[in-house]
Amino acid sequence: MYLQLPAVDPVLVVMIAVLLGIVFAFFLLVRRVVLSFTEGMRKGRR
């Protein structure tokens, strides 16, 4: 007995997947920028 899923539009699934990918890439970019920024601040203080 499987849970009956409503008919899902493939275009909607692709759009959501792309949106999640963009959010994830943006998160990684921001994280890298913040890490390099803090590292640069530490090196500048020394």
PDB file of N, CA and C in Angstrom:
ATOM      1  N   MET A   1       0.853  -1.197   0.000  1.00  0.00           N
ATOM      2  CA  MET A   1       0.000   0.000   0.000  1.00  0.00           C
ATOM      3  C   MET A   1       0.891   1.251   0.000  1.00  0.00           C
ATOM      4  N   TYR A   2       1.010   1.835  -1.172  1.00  0.00           N
ATOM      5  CA  TYR A   2       1.809   3.048  -1.289  1.00  0.00           C
ATOM      6  C   TYR A   2       0.936   4.274  -1.111  1.00  0.00           C
ATOM      7  N   LEU A   3       1.547   5.332  -0.616  1.00  0.00           N
ATOM      8  CA  LEU A   3       0.828   6.598  -0.483  1.00  0.00           C
ATOM      9  C   LEU A   3       0.617   7.165  -1.878  1.00  0.00           C
ATOM     10  N   GLN A   4      -0.634   7.461  -2.210  1.00  0.00           N
ATOM     11  CA  GLN A   4      -0.950   7.966  -3.550  1.00  0.00           C
ATOM     12  C   GLN A   4      -0.519   9.429  -3.659  1.00  0.00           C
ATOM     13  N   LEU A   5       0.495   9.671  -4.496  1.00  0.00           N
ATOM     14  CA  LEU A   5       0.966  11.036  -4.695  1.00  0.00           C
ATOM     15  C   LEU A   5       0.147  11.713  -5.769  1.00  0.00           C
ATOM     16  N   PRO A   6      -0.135  12.997  -5.598  1.00  0.00           N
ATOM     17  CA  PRO A   6      -0.841  13.721  -6.660  1.00  0.00           C
ATOM     18  C   PRO A   6       0.052  13.844  -7.887  1.00  0.00           C
ATOM     19  N   ALA A   7      -0.554  14.064  -9.040  1.00  0.00           N
ATOM     20  CA  ALA A   7       0.206  14.208 -10.282  1.00  0.00           C
ATOM     21  C   ALA A   7       1.105  15.433 -10.157  1.00  0.00           C
ATOM     22  N   VAL A   8       2.420  15.202 -10.239  1.00  0.00           N
ATOM     23  CA  VAL A   8       3.384  16.287 -10.083  1.00  0.00           C
ATOM     24  C   VAL A   8       3.854  16.735 -11.457  1.00  0.00           C
ATOM     25  N   ASP A   9       3.833  18.042 -11.682  1.00  0.00           N
ATOM     26  CA  ASP A   9       4.282  18.593 -12.956  1.00  0.00           C
ATOM     27  C   ASP A   9       5.809  18.513 -13.023  1.00  0.00           C
ATOM     28  N   PRO A  10       6.371  17.838 -14.040  1.00  0.00           N
ATOM     29  CA  PRO A  10       7.834  17.701 -14.131  1.00  0.00           C
ATOM     30  C   PRO A  10       8.538  19.062 -14.202  1.00  0.00           C
ATOM     31  N   VAL A  11       7.888  20.044 -14.847  1.00  0.00           N
ATOM     32  CA  VAL A  11       8.490  21.375 -14.952  1.00  0.00           C
ATOM     33  C   VAL A  11       8.644  21.990 -13.566  1.00  0.00           C
ATOM     34  N   LEU A  12       7.639  21.789 -12.722  1.00  0.00           N
ATOM     35  CA  LEU A  12       7.686  22.318 -11.358  1.00  0.00           C
ATOM     36  C   LEU A  12       8.821  21.669 -10.579  1.00  0.00           C
ATOM     37  N   VAL A  13       8.983  20.347 -10.745  1.00  0.00           N
ATOM     38  CA  VAL A  13      10.051  19.627 -10.051  1.00  0.00           C
ATOM     39  C   VAL A  13      11.409  20.162 -10.486  1.00  0.00           C
ATOM     40  N   VAL A  14      11.584  20.391 -11.790  1.00  0.00           N
ATOM     41  CA  VAL A  14      12.858  20.907 -12.302  1.00  0.00           C
ATOM     42  C   VAL A  14      13.109  22.308 -11.761  1.00  0.00           C
ATOM     43  N   MET A  15      12.068  23.142 -11.736  1.00  0.00           N
ATOM     44  CA  MET A  15      12.219  24.512 -11.240  1.00  0.00           C
ATOM     45  C   MET A  15      12.635  24.511  -9.771  1.00  0.00           C
ATOM     46  N   ILE A  16      12.003  23.651  -8.962  1.00  0.00           N
ATOM     47  CA  ILE A  16      12.339  23.574  -7.539  1.00  0.00           C
ATOM     48  C   ILE A  16      13.769  23.081  -7.356  1.00  0.00           C
ATOM     49  N   ALA A  17      14.169  22.071  -8.165  1.00  0.00           N
ATOM     50  CA  ALA A  17      15.525  21.534  -8.071  1.00  0.00           C
ATOM     51  C   ALA A  17      16.552  22.612  -8.423  1.00  0.00           C
ATOM     52  N   VAL A  18      16.287  23.382  -9.483  1.00  0.00           N
ATOM     53  CA  VAL A  18      17.200  24.451  -9.892  1.00  0.00           C
ATOM     54  C   VAL A  18      17.279  25.517  -8.802  1.00  0.00           C
ATOM     55  N   LEU A  19      16.128  25.860  -8.232  1.00  0.00           N
ATOM     56  CA  LEU A  19      16.094  26.865  -7.168  1.00  0.00           C
ATOM     57  C   LEU A  19      16.910  26.411  -5.958  1.00  0.00           C
ATOM     58  N   LEU A  20      16.746  25.138  -5.574  1.00  0.00           N
ATOM     59  CA  LEU A  20      17.512  24.612  -4.447  1.00  0.00           C
ATOM     60  C   LEU A  20      19.004  24.618  -4.762  1.00  0.00           C
ATOM     61  N   GLY A  21      19.357  24.279  -6.002  1.00  0.00           N
ATOM     62  CA  GLY A  21      20.763  24.290  -6.412  1.00  0.00           C
ATOM     63  C   GLY A  21      21.357  25.680  -6.321  1.00  0.00           C
ATOM     64  N   ILE A  22      20.590  26.690  -6.752  1.00  0.00           N
ATOM     65  CA  ILE A  22      21.064  28.076  -6.704  1.00  0.00           C
ATOM     66  C   ILE A  22      21.255  28.515  -5.252  1.00  0.00           C
ATOM     67  N   VAL A  23      20.306  28.170  -4.386  1.00  0.00           N
ATOM     68  CA  VAL A  23      20.402  28.543  -2.973  1.00  0.00           C
ATOM     69  C   VAL A  23      21.626  27.885  -2.339  1.00  0.00           C
ATOM     70  N   PHE A  24      21.846  26.598  -2.675  1.00  0.00           N
ATOM     71  CA  PHE A  24      22.989  25.870  -2.118  1.00  0.00           C
ATOM     72  C   PHE A  24      24.305  26.474  -2.589  1.00  0.00           C
ATOM     73  N   ALA A  25      24.392  26.804  -3.885  1.00  0.00           N
ATOM     74  CA  ALA A  25      25.612  27.407  -4.438  1.00  0.00           C
ATOM     75  C   ALA A  25      25.857  28.775  -3.795  1.00  0.00           C
ATOM     76  N   PHE A  26      24.781  29.545  -3.599  1.00  0.00           N
ATOM     77  CA  PHE A  26      24.903  30.862  -2.970  1.00  0.00           C
ATOM     78  C   PHE A  26      25.406  30.733  -1.534  1.00  0.00           C
ATOM     79  N   PHE A  27      24.887  29.724  -0.825  1.00  0.00           N
ATOM     80  CA  PHE A  27      25.322  29.476   0.547  1.00  0.00           C
ATOM     81  C   PHE A  27      26.816  29.139   0.592  1.00  0.00           C
ATOM     82  N   LEU A  28      27.263  28.268  -0.334  1.00  0.00           N
ATOM     83  CA  LEU A  28      28.679  27.903  -0.378  1.00  0.00           C
ATOM     84  C   LEU A  28      29.545  29.109  -0.697  1.00  0.00           C
ATOM     85  N   LEU A  29      29.071  29.951  -1.621  1.00  0.00           N
ATOM     86  CA  LEU A  29      29.830  31.147  -2.006  1.00  0.00           C
ATOM     87  C   LEU A  29      29.974  32.093  -0.813  1.00  0.00           C
ATOM     88  N   VAL A  30      28.872  32.368  -0.126  1.00  0.00           N
ATOM     89  CA  VAL A  30      28.897  33.275   1.026  1.00  0.00           C
ATOM     90  C   VAL A  30      29.811  32.719   2.105  1.00  0.00           C
ATOM     91  N   ARG A  31      29.738  31.390   2.344  1.00  0.00           N
ATOM     92  CA  ARG A  31      30.563  30.767   3.361  1.00  0.00           C
ATOM     93  C   ARG A  31      32.044  30.920   3.025  1.00  0.00           C
ATOM     94  N   ARG A  32      32.385  30.708   1.744  1.00  0.00           N
ATOM     95  CA  ARG A  32      33.781  30.829   1.333  1.00  0.00           C
ATOM     96  C   ARG A  32      34.271  32.268   1.480  1.00  0.00           C
ATOM     97  N   VAL A  33      33.427  33.232   1.101  1.00  0.00           N
ATOM     98  CA  VAL A  33      33.806  34.644   1.202  1.00  0.00           C
ATOM     99  C   VAL A  33      34.042  35.017   2.661  1.00  0.00           C
ATOM    100  N   VAL A  34      33.146  34.591   3.551  1.00  0.00           N
ATOM    101  CA  VAL A  34      33.276  34.922   4.976  1.00  0.00           C
ATOM    102  C   VAL A  34      34.525  34.285   5.561  1.00  0.00           C
ATOM    103  N   LEU A  35      34.792  33.014   5.195  1.00  0.00           N
ATOM    104  CA  LEU A  35      35.974  32.331   5.721  1.00  0.00           C
ATOM    105  C   LEU A  35      37.250  33.012   5.254  1.00  0.00           C
ATOM    106  N   SER A  36      37.332  33.348   3.965  1.00  0.00           N
ATOM    107  CA  SER A  36      38.545  33.996   3.458  1.00  0.00           C
ATOM    108  C   SER A  36      38.682  35.404   4.048  1.00  0.00           C
ATOM    109  N   PHE A  37      37.551  36.076   4.275  1.00  0.00           N
ATOM    110  CA  PHE A  37      37.587  37.414   4.860  1.00  0.00           C
ATOM    111  C   PHE A  37      38.142  37.371   6.282  1.00  0.00           C
ATOM    112  N   THR A  38      37.640  36.421   7.096  1.00  0.00           N
ATOM    113  CA  THR A  38      38.124  36.321   8.469  1.00  0.00           C
ATOM    114  C   THR A  38      39.596  35.922   8.488  1.00  0.00           C
ATOM    115  N   GLU A  39      39.987  35.029   7.557  1.00  0.00           N
ATOM    116  CA  GLU A  39      41.399  34.624   7.490  1.00  0.00           C
ATOM    117  C   GLU A  39      42.267  35.822   7.117  1.00  0.00           C
ATOM    118  N   GLY A  40      41.804  36.636   6.208  1.00  0.00           N
ATOM    119  CA  GLY A  40      42.541  37.829   5.800  1.00  0.00           C
ATOM    120  C   GLY A  40      42.651  38.832   6.938  1.00  0.00           C
ATOM    121  N   MET A  41      41.587  38.968   7.715  1.00  0.00           N
ATOM    122  CA  MET A  41      41.629  39.878   8.860  1.00  0.00           C
ATOM    123  C   MET A  41      42.649  39.395   9.875  1.00  0.00           C
ATOM    124  N   ARG A  42      42.696  38.075  10.091  1.00  0.00           N
ATOM    125  CA  ARG A  42      43.656  37.516  11.060  1.00  0.00           C
ATOM    126  C   ARG A  42      45.092  37.762  10.589  1.00  0.00           C
ATOM    127  N   LYS A  43      45.332  37.543   9.288  1.00  0.00           N
ATOM    128  CA  LYS A  43      46.691  37.755   8.746  1.00  0.00           C
ATOM    129  C   LYS A  43      47.051  39.233   8.790  1.00  0.00           C
ATOM    130  N   GLY A  44      46.076  40.115   8.611  1.00  0.00           N
ATOM    131  CA  GLY A  44      46.351  41.540   8.642  1.00  0.00           C
ATOM    132  C   GLY A  44      46.724  42.026  10.030  1.00  0.00           C
ATOM    133  N   ARG A  45      46.160  41.395  11.056  1.00  0.00           N
ATOM    134  CA  ARG A  45      46.444  41.806  12.430  1.00  0.00           C
ATOM    135  C   ARG A  45      47.857  41.431  12.846  1.00  0.00           C
ATOM    136  N   ARG A  46      48.333  40.285  12.327  1.00  0.00           N
ATOM    137  CA  ARG A  46      49.655  39.797  12.732  1.00  0.00           C
ATOM    138  C   ARG A  46      50.762  40.734  12.309  1.00  0.00           C
TER     139      ARG A  46
END
